[in-house]
N, C-alpha and C. Protein backbone atom coordinates (compact mmCIF):
# COMPACT_ATOMS: atom_id res chain seq x y z
N UNK A 1 96.71 115.40 101.81
CA UNK A 1 98.16 115.39 101.95
C UNK A 1 98.55 114.16 102.75
N UNK A 2 99.54 113.42 102.29
CA UNK A 2 99.99 112.22 102.96
C UNK A 2 101.10 112.49 103.96
N UNK A 3 102.04 113.34 103.60
CA UNK A 3 103.15 113.62 104.51
C UNK A 3 103.80 114.94 104.15
N UNK A 4 104.54 115.46 105.11
CA UNK A 4 105.31 116.67 104.91
C UNK A 4 106.72 116.38 105.36
N UNK A 5 107.70 116.80 104.62
CA UNK A 5 109.09 116.62 105.02
C UNK A 5 109.86 117.89 104.73
N UNK A 6 110.93 118.06 105.45
CA UNK A 6 111.84 119.18 105.21
C UNK A 6 112.88 118.75 104.20
N UNK A 7 113.15 119.61 103.23
CA UNK A 7 114.18 119.29 102.24
C UNK A 7 115.55 119.39 102.86
N UNK A 8 116.46 118.60 102.32
CA UNK A 8 117.86 118.68 102.72
C UNK A 8 118.36 120.09 102.40
N UNK A 9 119.22 120.61 103.22
CA UNK A 9 119.76 121.94 102.98
C UNK A 9 118.89 123.05 103.52
N UNK A 10 117.87 122.69 104.32
CA UNK A 10 117.06 123.71 104.98
C UNK A 10 116.00 124.36 104.12
N UNK A 11 115.68 123.78 102.97
CA UNK A 11 114.64 124.35 102.14
C UNK A 11 113.28 124.23 102.81
N UNK A 12 112.27 124.81 102.18
CA UNK A 12 110.92 124.75 102.71
C UNK A 12 110.37 123.33 102.68
N UNK A 13 109.22 123.14 103.29
CA UNK A 13 108.65 121.80 103.36
C UNK A 13 108.19 121.29 101.99
N UNK A 14 108.23 119.99 101.85
CA UNK A 14 107.69 119.33 100.67
C UNK A 14 106.53 118.48 101.13
N UNK A 15 105.39 118.64 100.48
CA UNK A 15 104.20 117.87 100.80
C UNK A 15 104.06 116.76 99.77
N UNK A 16 103.71 115.57 100.24
CA UNK A 16 103.49 114.44 99.34
C UNK A 16 102.00 114.13 99.37
N UNK A 17 101.41 114.03 98.20
CA UNK A 17 99.98 113.70 98.11
C UNK A 17 99.76 112.77 96.93
N UNK A 18 98.56 112.19 96.89
CA UNK A 18 98.20 111.34 95.76
C UNK A 18 98.12 112.16 94.48
N UNK A 19 98.51 111.54 93.39
CA UNK A 19 98.40 112.14 92.06
C UNK A 19 96.91 112.31 91.74
N UNK A 20 96.55 113.48 91.25
CA UNK A 20 95.16 113.77 90.87
C UNK A 20 95.08 113.97 89.37
N UNK A 21 93.86 113.90 88.84
CA UNK A 21 93.66 114.08 87.40
C UNK A 21 94.23 115.41 86.92
N UNK A 22 94.13 116.43 87.74
CA UNK A 22 94.62 117.76 87.36
C UNK A 22 96.14 117.82 87.27
N UNK A 23 96.85 116.80 87.77
CA UNK A 23 98.32 116.76 87.74
C UNK A 23 98.87 116.15 86.46
N UNK A 24 98.02 115.49 85.69
CA UNK A 24 98.53 114.68 84.57
C UNK A 24 99.25 115.48 83.50
N UNK A 25 98.79 116.65 83.17
CA UNK A 25 99.48 117.43 82.14
C UNK A 25 100.92 117.69 82.57
N UNK A 26 101.09 118.13 83.81
CA UNK A 26 102.43 118.41 84.33
C UNK A 26 103.25 117.12 84.43
N UNK A 27 102.68 116.07 85.03
CA UNK A 27 103.46 114.84 85.24
C UNK A 27 103.81 114.18 83.92
N UNK A 28 102.90 114.21 82.95
CA UNK A 28 103.20 113.64 81.63
C UNK A 28 104.38 114.37 80.98
N UNK A 29 104.39 115.69 81.09
CA UNK A 29 105.49 116.47 80.51
C UNK A 29 106.81 116.19 81.21
N UNK A 30 106.77 116.07 82.54
CA UNK A 30 107.99 115.77 83.29
C UNK A 30 108.54 114.40 82.93
N UNK A 31 107.68 113.40 82.88
CA UNK A 31 108.11 112.05 82.51
C UNK A 31 108.66 112.05 81.08
N UNK A 32 107.99 112.74 80.18
CA UNK A 32 108.46 112.78 78.78
C UNK A 32 109.83 113.43 78.67
N UNK A 33 110.09 114.47 79.47
CA UNK A 33 111.41 115.11 79.44
C UNK A 33 112.51 114.14 79.88
N UNK A 34 112.20 113.26 80.80
CA UNK A 34 113.22 112.37 81.34
C UNK A 34 113.28 111.01 80.64
N UNK A 35 112.16 110.57 80.07
CA UNK A 35 112.11 109.25 79.44
C UNK A 35 111.90 109.31 77.94
N UNK A 36 111.84 110.50 77.35
CA UNK A 36 111.67 110.63 75.90
C UNK A 36 110.23 110.57 75.45
N UNK A 37 109.32 110.13 76.31
CA UNK A 37 107.88 110.08 76.05
C UNK A 37 107.20 109.68 77.36
N UNK A 38 105.89 109.59 77.34
CA UNK A 38 105.18 109.15 78.53
C UNK A 38 105.08 107.63 78.58
N UNK A 39 105.84 106.99 77.72
CA UNK A 39 105.87 105.52 77.71
C UNK A 39 107.16 105.04 78.36
N UNK A 40 107.03 104.00 79.18
CA UNK A 40 108.18 103.40 79.86
C UNK A 40 108.09 101.89 79.66
N UNK A 41 109.23 101.27 79.38
CA UNK A 41 109.28 99.82 79.23
C UNK A 41 110.07 99.22 80.38
N UNK A 42 109.52 98.17 80.97
CA UNK A 42 110.25 97.41 81.99
C UNK A 42 109.87 95.94 81.88
N UNK A 43 110.89 95.11 81.85
CA UNK A 43 110.71 93.67 81.77
C UNK A 43 109.76 93.25 80.65
N UNK A 44 109.89 93.91 79.49
CA UNK A 44 109.10 93.56 78.32
C UNK A 44 107.69 94.10 78.31
N UNK A 45 107.35 94.94 79.26
CA UNK A 45 106.00 95.50 79.34
C UNK A 45 106.06 97.01 79.06
N UNK A 46 105.19 97.47 78.16
CA UNK A 46 105.10 98.88 77.84
C UNK A 46 104.04 99.52 78.74
N UNK A 47 104.45 100.56 79.47
CA UNK A 47 103.55 101.27 80.38
C UNK A 47 103.23 102.64 79.79
N UNK A 48 101.97 103.02 79.86
CA UNK A 48 101.56 104.39 79.55
C UNK A 48 101.47 105.10 80.89
N UNK A 49 102.48 105.90 81.21
CA UNK A 49 102.53 106.52 82.54
C UNK A 49 101.41 107.52 82.76
N UNK A 50 100.77 107.98 81.70
CA UNK A 50 99.69 108.97 81.86
C UNK A 50 98.45 108.39 82.52
N UNK A 51 98.38 107.07 82.65
CA UNK A 51 97.21 106.45 83.28
C UNK A 51 97.55 105.75 84.59
N UNK A 52 98.80 105.83 85.02
CA UNK A 52 99.19 105.15 86.25
C UNK A 52 98.90 105.99 87.49
N UNK A 53 98.59 105.33 88.61
CA UNK A 53 98.44 106.05 89.87
C UNK A 53 99.81 106.44 90.41
N UNK A 54 99.80 107.37 91.35
CA UNK A 54 101.08 107.76 91.92
C UNK A 54 100.97 108.82 92.98
N UNK A 55 102.09 109.46 93.23
CA UNK A 55 102.23 110.48 94.25
C UNK A 55 102.94 111.69 93.65
N UNK A 56 102.61 112.86 94.16
CA UNK A 56 103.22 114.10 93.72
C UNK A 56 103.87 114.77 94.92
N UNK A 57 105.05 115.31 94.72
CA UNK A 57 105.72 116.13 95.73
C UNK A 57 105.48 117.58 95.37
N UNK A 58 105.00 118.36 96.35
CA UNK A 58 104.70 119.77 96.15
C UNK A 58 105.58 120.61 97.07
N UNK A 59 106.11 121.71 96.54
CA UNK A 59 106.88 122.65 97.33
C UNK A 59 106.34 124.05 97.04
N UNK A 60 105.85 124.71 98.07
CA UNK A 60 105.26 126.05 97.90
C UNK A 60 104.18 126.06 96.83
N UNK A 61 103.36 125.00 96.81
CA UNK A 61 102.26 124.91 95.85
C UNK A 61 102.65 124.54 94.44
N UNK A 62 103.92 124.23 94.23
CA UNK A 62 104.43 123.89 92.90
C UNK A 62 104.87 122.42 92.90
N UNK A 63 104.46 121.63 91.89
CA UNK A 63 104.91 120.24 91.84
C UNK A 63 106.41 120.15 91.53
N UNK A 64 107.11 119.30 92.29
CA UNK A 64 108.56 119.17 92.12
C UNK A 64 109.01 117.72 91.92
N UNK A 65 108.06 116.78 91.95
CA UNK A 65 108.43 115.39 91.74
C UNK A 65 107.21 114.51 91.62
N UNK A 66 107.39 113.38 90.95
CA UNK A 66 106.29 112.43 90.77
C UNK A 66 106.83 111.01 90.85
N UNK A 67 106.04 110.13 91.43
CA UNK A 67 106.32 108.70 91.47
C UNK A 67 105.08 108.01 90.93
N UNK A 68 105.26 107.15 89.94
CA UNK A 68 104.16 106.41 89.31
C UNK A 68 104.39 104.93 89.52
N UNK A 69 103.31 104.20 89.79
CA UNK A 69 103.46 102.78 90.10
C UNK A 69 102.30 101.96 89.53
N UNK A 70 102.49 100.65 89.59
CA UNK A 70 101.48 99.71 89.11
C UNK A 70 101.41 98.56 90.12
N UNK A 71 100.19 98.28 90.63
CA UNK A 71 100.00 97.20 91.59
C UNK A 71 99.43 95.99 90.86
N UNK A 72 99.98 94.83 91.17
CA UNK A 72 99.51 93.57 90.61
C UNK A 72 99.47 92.56 91.75
N UNK A 73 98.27 92.26 92.24
CA UNK A 73 98.06 91.36 93.38
C UNK A 73 98.78 91.94 94.60
N UNK A 74 99.77 91.20 95.13
CA UNK A 74 100.47 91.68 96.33
C UNK A 74 101.86 92.23 96.02
N UNK A 75 102.06 92.60 94.75
CA UNK A 75 103.32 93.20 94.33
C UNK A 75 103.06 94.55 93.68
N UNK A 76 104.05 95.42 93.74
CA UNK A 76 103.94 96.74 93.14
C UNK A 76 105.21 97.05 92.39
N UNK A 77 105.04 97.53 91.17
CA UNK A 77 106.19 98.00 90.39
C UNK A 77 106.25 99.52 90.46
N UNK A 78 107.38 100.04 90.88
CA UNK A 78 107.64 101.47 90.81
C UNK A 78 108.07 101.70 89.36
N UNK A 79 107.21 102.31 88.57
CA UNK A 79 107.44 102.45 87.13
C UNK A 79 108.29 103.68 86.80
N UNK A 80 108.02 104.80 87.47
CA UNK A 80 108.77 106.02 87.18
C UNK A 80 108.89 106.87 88.44
N UNK A 81 110.07 107.42 88.65
CA UNK A 81 110.34 108.35 89.74
C UNK A 81 111.17 109.48 89.15
N UNK A 82 110.60 110.69 89.13
CA UNK A 82 111.29 111.83 88.54
C UNK A 82 111.12 113.03 89.47
N UNK A 83 112.22 113.70 89.75
CA UNK A 83 112.16 114.92 90.56
C UNK A 83 112.82 116.06 89.80
N UNK A 84 112.30 117.25 90.04
CA UNK A 84 112.83 118.45 89.38
C UNK A 84 114.18 118.86 89.97
N UNK A 85 114.35 118.65 91.28
CA UNK A 85 115.57 119.08 91.96
C UNK A 85 116.15 117.91 92.73
N UNK A 86 117.14 117.23 92.16
CA UNK A 86 117.76 116.09 92.83
C UNK A 86 118.49 116.49 94.11
N UNK A 87 118.70 115.52 94.96
CA UNK A 87 119.50 115.64 96.18
C UNK A 87 118.91 116.60 97.22
N UNK A 88 117.58 116.72 97.19
CA UNK A 88 116.90 117.53 98.21
C UNK A 88 115.98 116.67 99.08
N UNK A 89 116.02 115.35 98.90
CA UNK A 89 115.18 114.47 99.70
C UNK A 89 113.80 114.24 99.12
N UNK A 90 113.54 114.80 97.95
CA UNK A 90 112.21 114.68 97.34
C UNK A 90 111.95 113.24 96.91
N UNK A 91 112.91 112.62 96.23
CA UNK A 91 112.74 111.23 95.80
C UNK A 91 112.56 110.31 97.00
N UNK A 92 113.33 110.54 98.05
CA UNK A 92 113.21 109.73 99.26
C UNK A 92 111.82 109.85 99.85
N UNK A 93 111.29 111.06 99.91
CA UNK A 93 109.95 111.28 100.45
C UNK A 93 108.88 110.59 99.60
N UNK A 94 109.03 110.63 98.29
CA UNK A 94 108.08 109.95 97.41
C UNK A 94 108.13 108.44 97.60
N UNK A 95 109.32 107.88 97.70
CA UNK A 95 109.44 106.43 97.91
C UNK A 95 108.86 106.03 99.27
N UNK A 96 109.10 106.84 100.28
CA UNK A 96 108.53 106.55 101.61
C UNK A 96 107.00 106.56 101.55
N UNK A 97 106.43 107.51 100.81
CA UNK A 97 104.98 107.55 100.68
C UNK A 97 104.46 106.30 99.99
N UNK A 98 105.16 105.84 98.96
CA UNK A 98 104.76 104.61 98.28
C UNK A 98 104.81 103.44 99.24
N UNK A 99 105.89 103.29 99.99
CA UNK A 99 106.04 102.17 100.91
C UNK A 99 104.93 102.18 101.96
N UNK A 100 104.64 103.35 102.51
CA UNK A 100 103.55 103.45 103.49
C UNK A 100 102.22 103.03 102.87
N UNK A 101 101.98 103.48 101.66
CA UNK A 101 100.76 103.11 100.95
C UNK A 101 100.70 101.59 100.74
N UNK A 102 101.80 101.01 100.31
CA UNK A 102 101.83 99.57 100.06
C UNK A 102 101.61 98.77 101.33
N UNK A 103 102.21 99.23 102.42
CA UNK A 103 102.03 98.55 103.70
C UNK A 103 100.55 98.53 104.09
N UNK A 104 99.86 99.63 103.83
CA UNK A 104 98.45 99.72 104.22
C UNK A 104 97.54 98.90 103.31
N UNK A 105 98.02 98.55 102.11
CA UNK A 105 97.20 97.78 101.18
C UNK A 105 97.55 96.30 101.15
N UNK A 106 98.56 95.89 101.91
CA UNK A 106 98.92 94.48 101.97
C UNK A 106 99.92 94.03 100.92
N UNK A 107 100.45 94.93 100.13
CA UNK A 107 101.50 94.53 99.18
C UNK A 107 102.73 94.09 99.97
N UNK A 108 103.37 93.03 99.51
CA UNK A 108 104.53 92.52 100.24
C UNK A 108 105.84 92.77 99.53
N UNK A 109 105.78 93.02 98.23
CA UNK A 109 107.01 93.23 97.46
C UNK A 109 106.85 94.41 96.53
N UNK A 110 107.84 95.27 96.53
CA UNK A 110 107.93 96.35 95.55
C UNK A 110 109.15 96.06 94.69
N UNK A 111 109.07 96.41 93.43
CA UNK A 111 110.21 96.20 92.55
C UNK A 111 110.25 97.31 91.51
N UNK A 112 111.40 97.44 90.88
CA UNK A 112 111.59 98.46 89.86
C UNK A 112 112.72 98.04 88.94
N UNK A 113 112.77 98.73 87.82
CA UNK A 113 113.83 98.50 86.84
C UNK A 113 114.45 99.84 86.50
N UNK A 114 115.77 99.86 86.46
CA UNK A 114 116.49 101.00 85.91
C UNK A 114 117.44 100.43 84.86
N UNK A 115 118.24 101.26 84.27
CA UNK A 115 119.15 100.77 83.23
C UNK A 115 120.60 100.84 83.69
N UNK A 116 121.43 100.10 83.01
CA UNK A 116 122.84 99.97 83.42
C UNK A 116 123.59 101.30 83.43
N UNK A 117 123.15 102.27 82.63
CA UNK A 117 123.83 103.56 82.58
C UNK A 117 123.44 104.48 83.72
N UNK A 118 122.34 104.18 84.41
CA UNK A 118 121.78 105.09 85.42
C UNK A 118 122.40 104.81 86.79
N UNK A 119 123.66 105.16 86.92
CA UNK A 119 124.42 104.91 88.14
C UNK A 119 123.82 105.66 89.33
N UNK A 120 123.32 106.87 89.11
CA UNK A 120 122.71 107.65 90.18
C UNK A 120 121.50 106.94 90.77
N UNK A 121 120.64 106.40 89.91
CA UNK A 121 119.46 105.68 90.39
C UNK A 121 119.88 104.42 91.14
N UNK A 122 120.87 103.71 90.62
CA UNK A 122 121.32 102.50 91.29
C UNK A 122 121.83 102.82 92.70
N UNK A 123 122.62 103.88 92.82
CA UNK A 123 123.14 104.28 94.13
C UNK A 123 122.01 104.70 95.06
N UNK A 124 121.03 105.45 94.53
CA UNK A 124 119.90 105.89 95.35
C UNK A 124 119.12 104.71 95.90
N UNK A 125 118.75 103.77 95.04
CA UNK A 125 117.95 102.64 95.51
C UNK A 125 118.71 101.76 96.49
N UNK A 126 119.98 101.52 96.23
CA UNK A 126 120.77 100.72 97.16
C UNK A 126 120.88 101.42 98.52
N UNK A 127 121.10 102.74 98.51
CA UNK A 127 121.19 103.49 99.77
C UNK A 127 119.84 103.54 100.48
N UNK A 128 118.75 103.37 99.74
CA UNK A 128 117.41 103.41 100.32
C UNK A 128 116.92 102.05 100.78
N UNK A 129 117.79 101.04 100.72
CA UNK A 129 117.43 99.72 101.24
C UNK A 129 116.88 98.74 100.23
N UNK A 130 116.87 99.11 98.96
CA UNK A 130 116.42 98.18 97.93
C UNK A 130 117.55 97.19 97.65
N UNK A 131 117.19 95.98 97.27
CA UNK A 131 118.15 94.92 97.01
C UNK A 131 118.23 94.65 95.51
N UNK A 132 119.45 94.48 95.02
CA UNK A 132 119.63 94.08 93.63
C UNK A 132 119.04 92.69 93.46
N UNK A 133 118.04 92.56 92.58
CA UNK A 133 117.36 91.28 92.38
C UNK A 133 117.86 90.55 91.14
N UNK A 134 118.18 91.32 90.08
CA UNK A 134 118.60 90.68 88.83
C UNK A 134 119.19 91.71 87.89
N UNK A 135 120.04 91.22 87.00
CA UNK A 135 120.53 92.01 85.89
C UNK A 135 120.04 91.29 84.63
N UNK A 136 119.24 91.96 83.86
CA UNK A 136 118.67 91.37 82.64
C UNK A 136 119.47 91.88 81.46
N UNK A 137 120.48 91.10 81.09
CA UNK A 137 121.40 91.49 80.02
C UNK A 137 120.68 91.57 78.68
N UNK A 138 120.91 92.66 77.97
CA UNK A 138 120.33 92.83 76.64
C UNK A 138 118.86 93.20 76.63
N UNK A 139 118.24 93.38 77.79
CA UNK A 139 116.80 93.65 77.84
C UNK A 139 116.42 94.96 77.18
N UNK A 140 117.30 95.95 77.22
CA UNK A 140 116.95 97.25 76.62
C UNK A 140 116.96 97.15 75.09
N UNK A 141 117.79 96.29 74.56
CA UNK A 141 117.78 96.06 73.11
C UNK A 141 116.39 95.57 72.71
N UNK A 142 115.82 94.65 73.48
CA UNK A 142 114.46 94.15 73.20
C UNK A 142 113.40 95.22 73.51
N UNK A 143 113.65 96.04 74.53
CA UNK A 143 112.69 97.10 74.90
C UNK A 143 112.53 98.11 73.77
N UNK A 144 113.56 98.31 73.00
CA UNK A 144 113.49 99.27 71.88
C UNK A 144 112.50 98.82 70.81
N UNK A 145 112.18 97.54 70.78
CA UNK A 145 111.16 97.07 69.85
C UNK A 145 109.79 97.64 70.23
N UNK A 146 109.56 97.85 71.54
CA UNK A 146 108.31 98.43 72.03
C UNK A 146 108.37 99.96 72.08
N UNK A 147 109.57 100.48 72.32
CA UNK A 147 109.75 101.93 72.46
C UNK A 147 111.03 102.34 71.73
N UNK A 148 110.94 102.59 70.45
CA UNK A 148 112.13 102.91 69.66
C UNK A 148 112.86 104.18 70.09
N UNK A 149 112.20 105.07 70.84
CA UNK A 149 112.85 106.32 71.23
C UNK A 149 113.86 106.16 72.37
N UNK A 150 114.04 104.96 72.89
CA UNK A 150 115.08 104.74 73.90
C UNK A 150 116.43 104.99 73.23
N UNK A 151 117.21 105.92 73.77
CA UNK A 151 118.49 106.23 73.12
C UNK A 151 119.50 105.09 73.26
N UNK A 152 120.46 105.07 72.38
CA UNK A 152 121.52 104.05 72.44
C UNK A 152 122.50 104.33 73.55
N UNK A 153 122.73 105.63 73.84
CA UNK A 153 123.71 106.02 74.85
C UNK A 153 123.05 106.83 75.95
N UNK A 154 123.52 106.64 77.18
CA UNK A 154 123.06 107.41 78.32
C UNK A 154 123.79 108.73 78.41
N UNK A 155 123.49 109.48 79.48
CA UNK A 155 124.07 110.82 79.66
C UNK A 155 125.60 110.82 79.63
N UNK A 156 126.21 109.80 80.14
CA UNK A 156 127.67 109.77 80.23
C UNK A 156 128.31 109.01 79.07
N UNK A 157 127.56 108.81 78.00
CA UNK A 157 128.08 108.10 76.85
C UNK A 157 128.13 106.59 77.02
N UNK A 158 127.49 106.08 78.06
CA UNK A 158 127.46 104.64 78.33
C UNK A 158 126.35 104.00 77.48
N UNK A 159 126.65 102.91 76.82
CA UNK A 159 125.64 102.21 76.03
C UNK A 159 124.55 101.68 76.96
N UNK A 160 123.30 101.99 76.63
CA UNK A 160 122.15 101.52 77.42
C UNK A 160 121.74 100.18 76.86
N UNK A 161 122.01 99.11 77.62
CA UNK A 161 121.77 97.76 77.14
C UNK A 161 121.01 96.87 78.11
N UNK A 162 121.25 97.02 79.40
CA UNK A 162 120.73 96.08 80.39
C UNK A 162 119.73 96.73 81.33
N UNK A 163 118.76 95.93 81.79
CA UNK A 163 117.85 96.37 82.84
C UNK A 163 118.37 95.84 84.17
N UNK A 164 118.40 96.71 85.15
CA UNK A 164 118.84 96.36 86.49
C UNK A 164 117.58 96.37 87.36
N UNK A 165 117.25 95.23 87.96
CA UNK A 165 116.03 95.10 88.75
C UNK A 165 116.37 95.13 90.24
N UNK A 166 115.62 95.97 90.96
CA UNK A 166 115.75 96.07 92.42
C UNK A 166 114.42 95.68 93.04
N UNK A 167 114.48 95.19 94.28
CA UNK A 167 113.25 94.85 94.99
C UNK A 167 113.34 95.27 96.45
N UNK A 168 112.17 95.41 97.05
CA UNK A 168 112.07 95.78 98.45
C UNK A 168 110.99 94.91 99.07
N UNK A 169 111.34 94.22 100.16
CA UNK A 169 110.38 93.39 100.88
C UNK A 169 109.57 94.31 101.80
N UNK A 170 108.43 94.75 101.31
CA UNK A 170 107.61 95.72 102.04
C UNK A 170 107.12 95.14 103.36
N UNK A 171 106.90 93.83 103.39
CA UNK A 171 106.39 93.21 104.62
C UNK A 171 107.39 93.30 105.78
N UNK A 172 108.65 93.55 105.47
CA UNK A 172 109.68 93.64 106.51
C UNK A 172 110.01 95.08 106.91
N UNK A 173 109.39 96.04 106.23
CA UNK A 173 109.66 97.45 106.51
C UNK A 173 108.80 97.88 107.70
N UNK A 174 109.43 98.54 108.64
CA UNK A 174 108.70 99.10 109.77
C UNK A 174 108.53 100.59 109.56
N UNK A 175 107.60 101.17 110.27
CA UNK A 175 107.39 102.62 110.16
C UNK A 175 108.65 103.39 110.45
N UNK A 176 109.41 102.95 111.42
CA UNK A 176 110.64 103.66 111.82
C UNK A 176 111.68 103.67 110.70
N UNK A 177 111.66 102.65 109.82
CA UNK A 177 112.69 102.57 108.79
C UNK A 177 112.26 103.17 107.46
N UNK A 178 111.03 103.66 107.38
CA UNK A 178 110.60 104.26 106.10
C UNK A 178 110.77 105.74 106.11
């Protein structure tokens, strides 16, 4: 177990631990429910999330969230972050676990991509200290060539067209701020 946190609203504790082989069936299904498959595209790269390392959030012995990432030299891409119960601090705890892990491995930059329709994710990352790095106009149109199951419209009927890239300078994060 990497960390324990109390959920917002006084719920029971959530434990964060490394993703294990026995978690893949559950995490693959969760990612597929939210992304249409276990495949995710970011910046022209197709990821098979079923083989990525990550972290799992557990509540009362039940998995309630997963964060999957990819490390490349001294940078890390947060590929997927999915929680069963939003607004309980689970996503925040998973991101904190990732940042602590990256700090211990010498990674200096974390980055991620979301889409223009995902206003909730944009607000979450900005509130969590991530910086808007770039807007890649039309990138999702090209991503559909790799993953045709990406829908044309998001939950609110917004056309999914652009990738929004955020970054976090891990080298500047202190323990107190994670």
